[in-house]
Amino acid sequence: MTDEELTFETATQELDSILEKLDGDDVNIDSLAVDLERASELIEWCRARLQTTRVEVERIVTNLDDH
């Protein structure tokens, strides 16, 4: 899945999956850096999506208040 196809729900599910892997007893050292990098990317993507949504909601509410 590319980031263009990513949804907030799938991003948080992928983050949960990475967390479960890292929280387990059988951490794969070979993929640890890759997993952490992906988690970092997903967190940044989620933050940006939340910010965009916040701005959109504020705009909608402002437009409602103006009418």
Protein backbone atom coordinates (compact mmCIF):
# COMPACT_ATOMS: atom_id res chain seq x y z
CA MET A 1 0.00 0.00 0.00
CA THR A 2 1.36 3.41 -0.94
CA ASP A 3 1.00 6.46 1.26
CA GLU A 4 -1.47 7.85 -1.30
CA GLU A 5 -3.79 4.90 -0.52
CA LEU A 6 -3.20 5.08 3.22
CA THR A 7 -6.07 5.89 5.56
CA PHE A 8 -5.84 6.94 9.17
CA GLU A 9 -7.34 3.62 10.22
CA THR A 10 -4.88 1.51 8.23
CA ALA A 11 -1.97 3.64 9.44
CA THR A 12 -2.92 3.12 13.08
CA GLN A 13 -3.44 -0.60 12.45
CA GLU A 14 0.03 -0.84 10.91
CA LEU A 15 1.47 1.06 13.88
CA ASP A 16 -0.26 -1.36 16.25
CA SER A 17 1.21 -4.27 14.31
CA ILE A 18 4.71 -2.81 14.51
CA LEU A 19 4.28 -2.17 18.23
CA GLU A 20 3.20 -5.78 18.80
CA LYS A 21 6.32 -7.00 16.95
CA LEU A 22 8.57 -4.73 19.00
CA ASP A 23 6.81 -5.63 22.24
CA GLY A 24 7.18 -9.36 21.70
CA ASP A 25 9.89 -11.62 23.01
CA ASP A 26 11.14 -12.48 19.52
CA VAL A 27 12.31 -9.10 18.21
CA ASN A 28 14.01 -9.43 14.83
CA ILE A 29 17.15 -7.33 15.11
CA ASP A 30 17.65 -7.43 11.34
CA SER A 31 14.36 -5.62 10.70
CA LEU A 32 14.30 -3.46 13.83
CA ALA A 33 15.61 -0.30 12.15
CA VAL A 34 13.24 -0.78 9.20
CA ASP A 35 10.27 -1.24 11.53
CA LEU A 36 11.20 1.83 13.58
CA GLU A 37 11.66 3.92 10.44
CA ARG A 38 8.24 2.85 9.12
CA ALA A 39 6.64 3.63 12.50
CA SER A 40 8.22 7.07 12.41
CA GLU A 41 6.87 7.68 8.89
CA LEU A 42 3.39 6.54 9.92
CA ILE A 43 3.39 8.76 13.01
CA GLU A 44 4.36 11.79 10.93
CA TRP A 45 1.70 10.92 8.33
CA CYS A 46 -0.96 10.60 11.07
CA ARG A 47 0.07 13.92 12.62
CA ALA A 48 -0.20 15.64 9.24
CA ARG A 49 -3.60 14.04 8.58
CA LEU A 50 -4.88 15.12 12.00
CA GLN A 51 -3.68 18.67 11.35
CA THR A 52 -5.36 18.75 7.93
CA THR A 53 -8.58 17.42 9.40
CA ARG A 54 -8.47 19.98 12.22
CA VAL A 55 -8.12 22.82 9.71
CA GLU A 56 -10.96 21.44 7.57
CA VAL A 57 -13.27 21.09 10.59
CA GLU A 58 -12.45 24.62 11.77
CA ARG A 59 -13.22 25.96 8.28
CA ILE A 60 -16.55 24.11 8.17
CA VAL A 61 -17.54 25.32 11.63
CA THR A 62 -16.57 28.90 10.75
CA ASN A 63 -18.69 28.70 7.60
CA LEU A 64 -21.63 27.42 9.64
CA ASP A 65 -21.23 30.27 12.12
CA ASP A 66 -21.18 32.80 9.26
CA HIS A 67 -24.55 31.67 7.93
